[in-house]
Amino acid sequence: MDWHSFVMGYGAWGLGAAAFVSATLLPLSSEALMLGGIAAGVPVATAFVASCVGNCLGCVLNYVLGAWFRQKMLPKLEQSKSGRTAMRWMEKHGTVSLWGSWLPFVGDPLTFLAGAVRTNVWIFAAIVFSTRILRYVATLYGGSFFVKYS
């Protein structure tokens, strides 16, 4: 799928959908797509909100899937390098490890794992949503050096 065309064709809805998908284990940079959407004319605030909401909802899906498929998912996480890293972080640091949920490669497995180990959903939401939103704030700030916001 050509995500750039999808985002440009659907605007804020496309950005939200791309951010949702990027919160799963599929490799996709919603930050780059958000900046591309802004450069193509999506208002900054709209692109920011759509990306934040889509990405946070994707993290909720990961949490729910982790809780539902706990027995099947844990062995699969052990088979992948990023899954093993996420599991080590969670075992060593507990809920504090969710502060790393914004990081590439290990962040998304951490959100699955949080559901699998039944982390308190309110603590999960507070930590994961705030880190994901701050990542988009940092992206907007960093992107302001390359993309002129109107």
C-alpha atoms as a PDB file:
ATOM      1  CA  MET A   1       0.000   0.000   0.000  1.00  0.00           C
ATOM      2  CA  ASP A   2       1.243   3.485  -0.838  1.00  0.00           C
ATOM      3  CA  TRP A   3       0.752   5.229   2.526  1.00  0.00           C
ATOM      4  CA  HIS A   4       1.714   8.651   1.203  1.00  0.00           C
ATOM      5  CA  SER A   5      -1.120   8.581  -1.355  1.00  0.00           C
ATOM      6  CA  PHE A   6      -3.491   7.202   1.279  1.00  0.00           C
ATOM      7  CA  VAL A   7      -2.700  10.018   3.699  1.00  0.00           C
ATOM      8  CA  MET A   8      -2.863  12.683   1.005  1.00  0.00           C
ATOM      9  CA  GLY A   9      -6.156  11.304  -0.303  1.00  0.00           C
ATOM     10  CA  TYR A  10      -7.853  11.063   3.081  1.00  0.00           C
ATOM     11  CA  GLY A  11      -6.209  13.958   4.917  1.00  0.00           C
ATOM     12  CA  ALA A  12      -6.670  13.863   8.689  1.00  0.00           C
ATOM     13  CA  TRP A  13      -8.544  10.544   8.535  1.00  0.00           C
ATOM     14  CA  GLY A  14      -5.643   9.082   6.588  1.00  0.00           C
ATOM     15  CA  LEU A  15      -3.146  10.419   9.119  1.00  0.00           C
ATOM     16  CA  GLY A  16      -5.164   8.924  11.958  1.00  0.00           C
ATOM     17  CA  ALA A  17      -5.384   5.571  10.181  1.00  0.00           C
ATOM     18  CA  ALA A  18      -1.660   5.579   9.400  1.00  0.00           C
ATOM     19  CA  ALA A  19      -0.832   6.462  13.022  1.00  0.00           C
ATOM     20  CA  PHE A  20      -3.139   3.672  14.200  1.00  0.00           C
ATOM     21  CA  VAL A  21      -1.431   1.111  11.972  1.00  0.00           C
ATOM     22  CA  SER A  22       2.027   2.371  12.938  1.00  0.00           C
ATOM     23  CA  ALA A  23       1.224   1.664  16.610  1.00  0.00           C
ATOM     24  CA  THR A  24       0.993  -2.018  15.736  1.00  0.00           C
ATOM     25  CA  LEU A  25       3.988  -4.155  14.867  1.00  0.00           C
ATOM     26  CA  LEU A  26       3.845  -3.053  11.215  1.00  0.00           C
ATOM     27  CA  PRO A  27       6.824  -0.880  10.263  1.00  0.00           C
ATOM     28  CA  LEU A  28       5.472   2.570   9.436  1.00  0.00           C
ATOM     29  CA  SER A  29       6.582   6.058  10.448  1.00  0.00           C
ATOM     30  CA  SER A  30       3.499   8.036  11.390  1.00  0.00           C
ATOM     31  CA  GLU A  31       5.737  10.964  12.341  1.00  0.00           C
ATOM     32  CA  ALA A  32       7.073  11.272   8.794  1.00  0.00           C
ATOM     33  CA  LEU A  33       3.557  10.922   7.408  1.00  0.00           C
ATOM     34  CA  MET A  34       2.292  13.616   9.806  1.00  0.00           C
ATOM     35  CA  LEU A  35       4.975  16.024   8.575  1.00  0.00           C
ATOM     36  CA  GLY A  36       4.205  15.043   4.979  1.00  0.00           C
ATOM     37  CA  GLY A  37       0.516  15.691   5.570  1.00  0.00           C
ATOM     38  CA  ILE A  38       1.291  19.105   7.019  1.00  0.00           C
ATOM     39  CA  ALA A  39       3.556  19.902   4.083  1.00  0.00           C
ATOM     40  CA  ALA A  40       0.715  18.876   1.742  1.00  0.00           C
ATOM     41  CA  GLY A  41      -1.737  21.234   3.431  1.00  0.00           C
ATOM     42  CA  VAL A  42      -3.319  19.431   6.385  1.00  0.00           C
ATOM     43  CA  PRO A  43      -3.548  22.036   9.190  1.00  0.00           C
ATOM     44  CA  VAL A  44      -0.927  21.495  11.906  1.00  0.00           C
ATOM     45  CA  ALA A  45      -3.419  21.129  14.770  1.00  0.00           C
ATOM     46  CA  THR A  46      -5.565  18.710  12.760  1.00  0.00           C
ATOM     47  CA  ALA A  47      -2.567  16.594  11.763  1.00  0.00           C
ATOM     48  CA  PHE A  48      -1.313  16.577  15.358  1.00  0.00           C
ATOM     49  CA  VAL A  49      -4.652  15.541  16.885  1.00  0.00           C
ATOM     50  CA  ALA A  50      -5.361  12.913  14.206  1.00  0.00           C
ATOM     51  CA  SER A  51      -1.909  11.382  14.621  1.00  0.00           C
ATOM     52  CA  CYS A  52      -2.078  11.394  18.428  1.00  0.00           C
ATOM     53  CA  VAL A  53      -5.573   9.896  18.571  1.00  0.00           C
ATOM     54  CA  GLY A  54      -4.821   7.252  15.939  1.00  0.00           C
ATOM     55  CA  ASN A  55      -1.558   6.217  17.567  1.00  0.00           C
ATOM     56  CA  CYS A  56      -3.004   6.082  21.087  1.00  0.00           C
ATOM     57  CA  LEU A  57      -5.960   4.001  19.862  1.00  0.00           C
ATOM     58  CA  GLY A  58      -3.500   1.646  18.176  1.00  0.00           C
ATOM     59  CA  CYS A  59      -1.729   1.238  21.521  1.00  0.00           C
ATOM     60  CA  VAL A  60      -5.069   0.408  23.160  1.00  0.00           C
ATOM     61  CA  LEU A  61      -5.618  -2.268  20.506  1.00  0.00           C
ATOM     62  CA  ASN A  62      -2.167  -3.695  21.293  1.00  0.00           C
ATOM     63  CA  TYR A  63      -3.006  -3.780  25.003  1.00  0.00           C
ATOM     64  CA  VAL A  64      -6.346  -5.530  24.379  1.00  0.00           C
ATOM     65  CA  LEU A  65      -4.797  -8.051  21.988  1.00  0.00           C
ATOM     66  CA  GLY A  66      -2.046  -8.735  24.504  1.00  0.00           C
ATOM     67  CA  ALA A  67      -4.644  -9.424  27.200  1.00  0.00           C
ATOM     68  CA  TRP A  68      -6.857 -11.567  24.950  1.00  0.00           C
ATOM     69  CA  PHE A  69      -4.110 -13.628  23.361  1.00  0.00           C
ATOM     70  CA  ARG A  70      -1.805 -13.809  26.352  1.00  0.00           C
ATOM     71  CA  GLN A  71      -1.146 -17.558  26.189  1.00  0.00           C
ATOM     72  CA  LYS A  72      -0.418 -17.570  22.448  1.00  0.00           C
ATOM     73  CA  MET A  73       1.404 -14.252  22.340  1.00  0.00           C
ATOM     74  CA  LEU A  74       4.065 -14.688  25.022  1.00  0.00           C
ATOM     75  CA  PRO A  75       5.888 -17.538  23.210  1.00  0.00           C
ATOM     76  CA  LYS A  76       5.837 -15.513  19.971  1.00  0.00           C
ATOM     77  CA  LEU A  77       7.306 -12.485  21.704  1.00  0.00           C
ATOM     78  CA  GLU A  78      10.087 -14.703  23.031  1.00  0.00           C
ATOM     79  CA  GLN A  79      10.927 -15.662  19.434  1.00  0.00           C
ATOM     80  CA  SER A  80      11.513 -12.094  18.205  1.00  0.00           C
ATOM     81  CA  LYS A  81      14.493  -9.966  19.189  1.00  0.00           C
ATOM     82  CA  SER A  82      12.401  -6.862  19.955  1.00  0.00           C
ATOM     83  CA  GLY A  83       9.894  -9.027  21.833  1.00  0.00           C
ATOM     84  CA  ARG A  84      12.627 -10.510  24.017  1.00  0.00           C
ATOM     85  CA  THR A  85      14.003  -7.043  24.698  1.00  0.00           C
ATOM     86  CA  ALA A  86      10.554  -5.778  25.661  1.00  0.00           C
ATOM     87  CA  MET A  87      10.034  -8.767  27.950  1.00  0.00           C
ATOM     88  CA  ARG A  88      13.384  -8.186  29.666  1.00  0.00           C
ATOM     89  CA  TRP A  89      12.516  -4.521  30.203  1.00  0.00           C
ATOM     90  CA  MET A  90       9.109  -5.412  31.642  1.00  0.00           C
ATOM     91  CA  GLU A  91      10.552  -8.115  33.910  1.00  0.00           C
ATOM     92  CA  LYS A  92      13.342  -5.870  35.162  1.00  0.00           C
ATOM     93  CA  HIS A  93      11.500  -2.547  35.485  1.00  0.00           C
ATOM     94  CA  GLY A  94       7.786  -3.410  35.608  1.00  0.00           C
ATOM     95  CA  THR A  95       5.369  -0.607  34.761  1.00  0.00           C
ATOM     96  CA  VAL A  96       8.247   1.884  34.611  1.00  0.00           C
ATOM     97  CA  SER A  97       9.304   0.185  31.367  1.00  0.00           C
ATOM     98  CA  LEU A  98       6.247   1.705  29.691  1.00  0.00           C
ATOM     99  CA  TRP A  99       8.130   5.021  29.656  1.00  0.00           C
ATOM    100  CA  GLY A 100      10.026   3.410  26.773  1.00  0.00           C
ATOM    101  CA  SER A 101       6.853   2.664  24.819  1.00  0.00           C
ATOM    102  CA  TRP A 102       7.539   5.548  22.439  1.00  0.00           C
ATOM    103  CA  LEU A 103      10.864   4.055  21.332  1.00  0.00           C
ATOM    104  CA  PRO A 104      11.239   2.445  17.907  1.00  0.00           C
ATOM    105  CA  PHE A 105      11.328  -1.370  17.749  1.00  0.00           C
ATOM    106  CA  VAL A 106      10.686  -2.085  21.457  1.00  0.00           C
ATOM    107  CA  GLY A 107       7.858   0.362  22.139  1.00  0.00           C
ATOM    108  CA  ASP A 108       5.076  -1.466  20.325  1.00  0.00           C
ATOM    109  CA  PRO A 109       5.943  -4.882  21.806  1.00  0.00           C
ATOM    110  CA  LEU A 110       5.892  -3.215  25.237  1.00  0.00           C
ATOM    111  CA  THR A 111       2.274  -2.167  24.699  1.00  0.00           C
ATOM    112  CA  PHE A 112       1.326  -5.751  23.770  1.00  0.00           C
ATOM    113  CA  LEU A 113       3.224  -7.083  26.735  1.00  0.00           C
ATOM    114  CA  ALA A 114       1.522  -4.630  29.099  1.00  0.00           C
ATOM    115  CA  GLY A 115      -1.800  -6.205  28.176  1.00  0.00           C
ATOM    116  CA  ALA A 116      -0.418  -9.706  28.485  1.00  0.00           C
ATOM    117  CA  VAL A 117       0.866  -9.103  32.007  1.00  0.00           C
ATOM    118  CA  ARG A 118      -2.316  -7.237  32.876  1.00  0.00           C
ATOM    119  CA  THR A 119      -0.777  -3.863  33.699  1.00  0.00           C
ATOM    120  CA  ASN A 120      -3.327  -1.496  35.239  1.00  0.00           C
ATOM    121  CA  VAL A 121      -5.086   0.034  32.233  1.00  0.00           C
ATOM    122  CA  TRP A 122      -5.181   3.548  33.728  1.00  0.00           C
ATOM    123  CA  ILE A 123      -1.462   3.547  34.436  1.00  0.00           C
ATOM    124  CA  PHE A 124      -0.883   2.121  30.960  1.00  0.00           C
ATOM    125  CA  ALA A 125      -2.956   4.866  29.345  1.00  0.00           C
ATOM    126  CA  ALA A 126      -1.370   7.677  31.373  1.00  0.00           C
ATOM    127  CA  ILE A 127       2.192   6.639  30.571  1.00  0.00           C
ATOM    128  CA  VAL A 128       1.783   5.415  26.996  1.00  0.00           C
ATOM    129  CA  PHE A 129      -0.493   8.227  25.812  1.00  0.00           C
ATOM    130  CA  SER A 130       1.700  10.942  27.336  1.00  0.00           C
ATOM    131  CA  THR A 131       4.885   9.536  25.807  1.00  0.00           C
ATOM    132  CA  ARG A 132       3.280   9.089  22.401  1.00  0.00           C
ATOM    133  CA  ILE A 133       1.867  12.622  22.439  1.00  0.00           C
ATOM    134  CA  LEU A 134       5.212  14.077  23.547  1.00  0.00           C
ATOM    135  CA  ARG A 135       6.854  12.215  20.655  1.00  0.00           C
ATOM    136  CA  TYR A 136       4.555  14.042  18.222  1.00  0.00           C
ATOM    137  CA  VAL A 137       5.283  17.371  19.955  1.00  0.00           C
ATOM    138  CA  ALA A 138       9.008  16.700  19.518  1.00  0.00           C
ATOM    139  CA  THR A 139       8.400  15.733  15.889  1.00  0.00           C
ATOM    140  CA  LEU A 140       6.555  18.991  15.237  1.00  0.00           C
ATOM    141  CA  TYR A 141       9.324  20.970  16.886  1.00  0.00           C
ATOM    142  CA  GLY A 142      12.063  19.133  15.024  1.00  0.00           C
ATOM    143  CA  GLY A 143      10.098  19.268  11.798  1.00  0.00           C
ATOM    144  CA  SER A 144       9.713  23.035  12.093  1.00  0.00           C
ATOM    145  CA  PHE A 145      13.334  23.320  10.965  1.00  0.00           C
ATOM    146  CA  PHE A 146      12.465  21.573   7.690  1.00  0.00           C
ATOM    147  CA  VAL A 147       8.756  22.177   7.053  1.00  0.00           C
ATOM    148  CA  LYS A 148       7.201  25.640   7.165  1.00  0.00           C
ATOM    149  CA  TYR A 149       3.996  25.480   9.221  1.00  0.00           C
ATOM    150  CA  SER A 150       1.230  27.860   8.285  1.00  0.00           C
END
